[in-house]
């Protein structure tokens, strides 16, 4: 389905019936990332999955931050008349958006589920320093090269440190804005019960991030999923569905 929100054509899906769960995807992803998980949770809930602007070929009018994305989600939910939200489920950067939105009051929900959430920004200071150095080195080394080769070299350098900076070049400034936004102070203002799920093998948002956020969010619980990576809702979909359902009080109805 599609709707127009704030001049953006938004792709979204509503699946199932019951209390509403809203899914927020991560950087460079789209709503389809949750389909496997949604199939199981749709037995007990109505699920709203939507694409965030900038990752679907539509250009942002300016550099966005977490607040802009949370305001956009609020506008979408108002447009489709989704009034009472039982839970927000955010993956990676989507988790940071949810934390920021709930802390500011822009988003409202009864519960929050964070899947490999980002938002802890200054733990790996050595990695950040490497990122800055490689960015400068990449620009210097690539100047004499043709544009296509310059782009490939710079991407290779960023890939070495696991950065998504050049994943979507037109969002580079938005990426820098978001990755400089640490949500730890905001997470203290999240008052709803929160479940944090992180993969033991996640190198993008390691379990350490979950431990930090769990200490900040007052009413929260953390589980490290053994053998899971950053996309734990793909590799461990059935388990994540059962865990989320139990958190929402629907354990017996998810296989």
Protein backbone atom coordinates (compact mmCIF):
# COMPACT_ATOMS: atom_id res chain seq x y z
CA UNK A 1 0.00 0.00 0.00
CA UNK A 2 1.03 3.62 -0.44
CA UNK A 3 0.15 6.92 1.19
CA UNK A 4 1.45 10.46 0.79
CA UNK A 5 2.90 11.94 3.99
CA UNK A 6 4.71 15.30 4.08
CA UNK A 7 5.13 15.13 0.27
CA UNK A 8 6.69 11.65 0.44
CA UNK A 9 5.11 8.61 -1.19
CA UNK A 10 5.35 6.00 1.56
CA UNK A 11 5.30 2.26 0.99
CA UNK A 12 3.79 0.42 3.94
CA UNK A 13 1.91 -2.69 4.96
CA UNK A 14 -0.74 -3.42 7.58
CA UNK A 15 -0.92 -7.08 8.48
CA UNK A 16 -3.16 -8.98 10.90
CA UNK A 17 -5.73 -7.84 13.45
CA UNK A 18 -5.51 -6.87 17.08
CA UNK A 19 -3.45 -4.40 19.13
CA UNK A 20 -1.12 -2.40 16.90
CA UNK A 21 2.64 -2.95 16.68
CA UNK A 22 4.71 -0.47 14.63
CA UNK A 23 8.04 -1.59 13.12
CA UNK A 24 10.88 0.85 12.38
CA UNK A 25 13.71 -0.41 10.16
CA UNK A 26 17.40 0.47 10.27
CA UNK A 27 19.77 2.46 8.06
CA UNK A 28 19.63 1.57 4.37
CA UNK A 29 16.91 -1.03 4.96
CA UNK A 30 13.14 -1.10 4.34
CA UNK A 31 9.98 -2.50 5.88
CA UNK A 32 10.43 -5.90 4.20
CA UNK A 33 13.21 -6.72 6.63
CA UNK A 34 10.48 -7.52 9.19
CA UNK A 35 8.22 -9.72 7.04
CA UNK A 36 9.44 -13.04 8.43
CA UNK A 37 8.97 -11.82 11.98
CA UNK A 38 5.66 -10.18 11.13
CA UNK A 39 4.12 -13.37 9.77
CA UNK A 40 4.24 -14.90 13.24
CA UNK A 41 3.25 -11.86 15.28
CA UNK A 42 0.30 -11.11 12.96
CA UNK A 43 -1.58 -13.99 14.59
CA UNK A 44 -2.22 -11.82 17.62
CA UNK A 45 -1.60 -8.22 16.50
CA UNK A 46 -2.09 -5.72 13.72
CA UNK A 47 1.33 -4.84 12.37
CA UNK A 48 2.29 -1.57 10.68
CA UNK A 49 5.48 -1.74 8.61
CA UNK A 50 6.61 1.35 6.71
CA UNK A 51 9.56 2.62 4.68
CA UNK A 52 11.49 5.62 5.95
CA UNK A 53 12.28 8.44 3.48
CA UNK A 54 15.68 8.53 1.84
CA UNK A 55 16.09 4.78 1.49
CA UNK A 56 13.53 4.31 -1.29
CA UNK A 57 14.99 6.62 -3.94
CA UNK A 58 13.19 9.73 -2.68
CA UNK A 59 15.52 12.59 -1.75
CA UNK A 60 15.29 14.33 1.60
CA UNK A 61 14.72 18.10 1.40
CA UNK A 62 17.40 18.69 4.05
CA UNK A 63 19.70 16.89 6.44
CA UNK A 64 17.54 14.85 8.80
CA UNK A 65 18.19 13.79 12.37
CA UNK A 66 16.47 11.31 14.69
CA UNK A 67 13.80 13.87 15.58
CA UNK A 68 12.88 14.34 11.92
CA UNK A 69 12.43 10.61 11.46
CA UNK A 70 10.34 10.21 14.61
CA UNK A 71 8.14 13.14 13.57
CA UNK A 72 7.69 11.55 10.16
CA UNK A 73 6.60 8.25 11.75
CA UNK A 74 4.13 10.12 13.96
CA UNK A 75 2.69 11.81 10.85
CA UNK A 76 2.36 8.44 9.11
CA UNK A 77 0.53 6.89 12.05
CA UNK A 78 -1.83 9.85 12.19
CA UNK A 79 -2.48 9.60 8.45
CA UNK A 80 -3.45 5.91 8.66
CA UNK A 81 -5.42 6.48 11.88
CA UNK A 82 -3.26 4.20 14.03
CA UNK A 83 -4.05 5.82 17.36
CA UNK A 84 -3.14 3.45 20.19
CA UNK A 85 0.20 1.72 19.72
CA UNK A 86 0.78 -1.37 21.84
CA UNK A 87 4.47 -1.56 20.95
CA UNK A 88 7.20 -0.01 18.87
CA UNK A 89 9.81 -2.41 17.49
CA UNK A 90 12.97 -0.77 16.18
CA UNK A 91 15.96 -2.44 14.57
CA UNK A 92 19.41 -0.82 14.61
CA UNK A 93 18.98 2.86 13.71
CA UNK A 94 15.22 2.30 13.98
CA UNK A 95 15.77 1.59 17.66
CA UNK A 96 17.57 4.91 18.11
CA UNK A 97 14.66 6.66 16.39
CA UNK A 98 12.18 4.98 18.73
CA UNK A 99 14.19 5.93 21.83
CA UNK A 100 14.44 9.55 20.71
CA UNK A 101 10.77 9.71 19.72
CA UNK A 102 9.48 8.22 22.98
CA UNK A 103 11.78 10.41 25.07
CA UNK A 104 10.51 13.58 23.40
CA UNK A 105 6.87 12.50 23.39
CA UNK A 106 6.69 12.61 19.60
CA UNK A 107 5.99 8.88 19.57
CA UNK A 108 3.75 7.09 22.03
CA UNK A 109 3.50 3.38 22.76
CA UNK A 110 2.77 1.08 25.67
CA UNK A 111 5.96 -0.96 25.22
CA UNK A 112 9.24 -0.84 23.32
CA UNK A 113 11.30 -3.62 21.72
CA UNK A 114 14.85 -2.80 20.63
CA UNK A 115 16.50 -5.21 18.19
CA UNK A 116 20.26 -4.62 17.96
CA UNK A 117 19.58 -0.94 18.57
CA UNK A 118 22.17 1.68 17.76
CA UNK A 119 22.40 5.04 19.50
CA UNK A 120 25.45 4.45 21.70
CA UNK A 121 27.93 6.53 19.78
CA UNK A 122 31.22 7.14 21.58
CA UNK A 123 32.17 3.73 22.98
CA UNK A 124 34.49 2.72 20.15
CA UNK A 125 36.51 5.92 20.15
CA UNK A 126 39.46 4.24 18.42
CA UNK A 127 37.16 3.13 15.62
CA UNK A 128 35.84 6.67 15.25
CA UNK A 129 39.37 8.03 15.05
CA UNK A 130 40.18 5.46 12.39
CA UNK A 131 37.03 6.47 10.53
CA UNK A 132 38.11 10.11 10.43
CA UNK A 133 41.64 9.25 9.36
CA UNK A 134 40.46 6.93 6.60
CA UNK A 135 38.01 9.55 5.40
CA UNK A 136 40.83 12.07 4.97
CA UNK A 137 43.25 9.53 3.50
CA UNK A 138 40.60 8.30 1.08
CA UNK A 139 39.98 11.79 -0.22
CA UNK A 140 43.68 12.54 -0.67
CA UNK A 141 44.59 9.26 -2.34
CA UNK A 142 41.62 9.27 -4.66
CA UNK A 143 41.98 12.80 -6.03
CA UNK A 144 44.05 11.85 -9.10
CA UNK A 145 41.71 8.96 -10.01
CA UNK A 146 38.61 8.96 -12.22
CA UNK A 147 35.37 9.53 -10.33
CA UNK A 148 34.20 5.91 -10.46
CA UNK A 149 37.51 4.60 -9.12
CA UNK A 150 37.59 7.31 -6.44
CA UNK A 151 34.19 6.16 -5.19
CA UNK A 152 35.26 2.49 -5.14
CA UNK A 153 38.43 3.26 -3.22
CA UNK A 154 36.66 5.38 -0.64
CA UNK A 155 33.98 2.71 -0.19
CA UNK A 156 36.64 0.06 0.32
CA UNK A 157 38.29 2.17 2.99
CA UNK A 158 35.02 2.74 4.85
CA UNK A 159 34.12 -0.94 4.55
CA UNK A 160 37.33 -1.80 6.39
CA UNK A 161 35.89 -0.18 9.52
CA UNK A 162 32.31 -1.29 8.98
CA UNK A 163 30.90 2.14 8.16
CA UNK A 164 27.66 2.72 6.21
CA UNK A 165 28.78 6.25 5.34
CA UNK A 166 28.82 5.66 1.58
CA UNK A 167 26.02 3.09 1.47
CA UNK A 168 23.71 5.85 0.22
CA UNK A 169 25.94 8.77 -0.87
CA UNK A 170 23.10 11.31 -1.04
CA UNK A 171 22.40 10.68 2.66
CA UNK A 172 25.99 11.21 3.77
CA UNK A 173 25.21 14.36 5.78
CA UNK A 174 22.16 12.75 7.37
CA UNK A 175 24.32 9.74 8.25
CA UNK A 176 26.87 11.98 9.96
CA UNK A 177 24.12 13.84 11.81
CA UNK A 178 22.54 10.64 13.11
CA UNK A 179 25.77 8.88 14.05
CA UNK A 180 26.82 11.88 16.12
CA UNK A 181 23.56 11.65 18.13
CA UNK A 182 24.03 9.62 21.31
CA UNK A 183 20.66 8.60 22.80
CA UNK A 184 21.87 7.59 26.26
CA UNK A 185 20.60 10.73 27.98
CA UNK A 186 17.27 10.40 26.16
CA UNK A 187 16.96 6.72 27.02
CA UNK A 188 16.65 7.68 30.69
CA UNK A 189 13.34 9.34 29.78
CA UNK A 190 11.83 6.20 28.23
CA UNK A 191 9.21 5.23 30.78
CA UNK A 192 7.54 2.28 29.05
CA UNK A 193 8.59 -1.36 29.64
CA UNK A 194 11.41 -2.14 27.22
CA UNK A 195 12.87 -5.39 25.90
CA UNK A 196 16.39 -5.23 24.46
CA UNK A 197 17.53 -8.10 22.22
CA UNK A 198 21.10 -8.23 20.89
CA UNK A 199 23.06 -10.89 19.03
CA UNK A 200 26.13 -12.38 20.68
CA UNK A 201 27.97 -12.21 17.33
CA UNK A 202 26.88 -8.71 16.36
CA UNK A 203 29.84 -6.50 15.44
CA UNK A 204 27.79 -3.50 14.24
CA UNK A 205 25.90 -2.96 17.52
CA UNK A 206 27.61 -5.34 19.95
CA UNK A 207 26.02 -6.68 23.16
CA UNK A 208 27.91 -3.97 25.05
CA UNK A 209 25.50 -1.44 23.54
CA UNK A 210 22.57 -3.37 24.94
CA UNK A 211 24.15 -3.47 28.38
CA UNK A 212 24.68 0.30 28.31
CA UNK A 213 21.12 1.07 27.21
CA UNK A 214 19.64 -1.41 29.68
CA UNK A 215 21.38 0.48 32.48
CA UNK A 216 19.88 3.75 31.25
CA UNK A 217 16.27 2.71 30.48
CA UNK A 218 14.48 2.45 33.86
CA UNK A 219 12.04 -0.41 33.21
CA UNK A 220 14.01 -2.62 30.85
CA UNK A 221 15.33 -6.14 30.40
CA UNK A 222 18.16 -7.35 28.19
CA UNK A 223 18.76 -10.68 26.48
CA UNK A 224 21.79 -11.63 24.42
CA UNK A 225 20.74 -14.11 21.73
CA UNK A 226 23.45 -16.73 21.36
CA UNK A 227 24.82 -17.13 17.83
CA UNK A 228 22.85 -14.20 16.39
CA UNK A 229 24.39 -11.34 14.40
CA UNK A 230 23.09 -7.84 13.66
CA UNK A 231 20.05 -9.19 11.80
CA UNK A 232 18.83 -11.46 14.57
CA UNK A 233 15.22 -11.04 13.38
CA UNK A 234 16.27 -12.87 10.20
CA UNK A 235 18.47 -15.67 11.52
CA UNK A 236 16.43 -16.25 14.70
CA UNK A 237 12.98 -15.09 13.56
CA UNK A 238 10.95 -17.77 15.34
CA UNK A 239 12.75 -17.29 18.64
CA UNK A 240 12.54 -13.48 18.44
CA UNK A 241 8.81 -13.75 17.67
CA UNK A 242 8.24 -15.96 20.71
CA UNK A 243 10.31 -13.67 22.92
CA UNK A 244 8.47 -10.56 21.74
CA UNK A 245 5.09 -12.26 22.08
CA UNK A 246 5.91 -13.29 25.65
CA UNK A 247 6.94 -9.72 26.42
CA UNK A 248 3.61 -8.53 25.04
CA UNK A 249 1.67 -11.21 26.91
CA UNK A 250 0.86 -13.49 23.97
CA UNK A 251 3.31 -16.34 24.45
CA UNK A 252 0.87 -19.18 23.89
CA UNK A 253 -0.22 -18.04 20.43
CA UNK A 254 3.14 -17.90 18.64
CA UNK A 255 4.79 -21.09 17.38
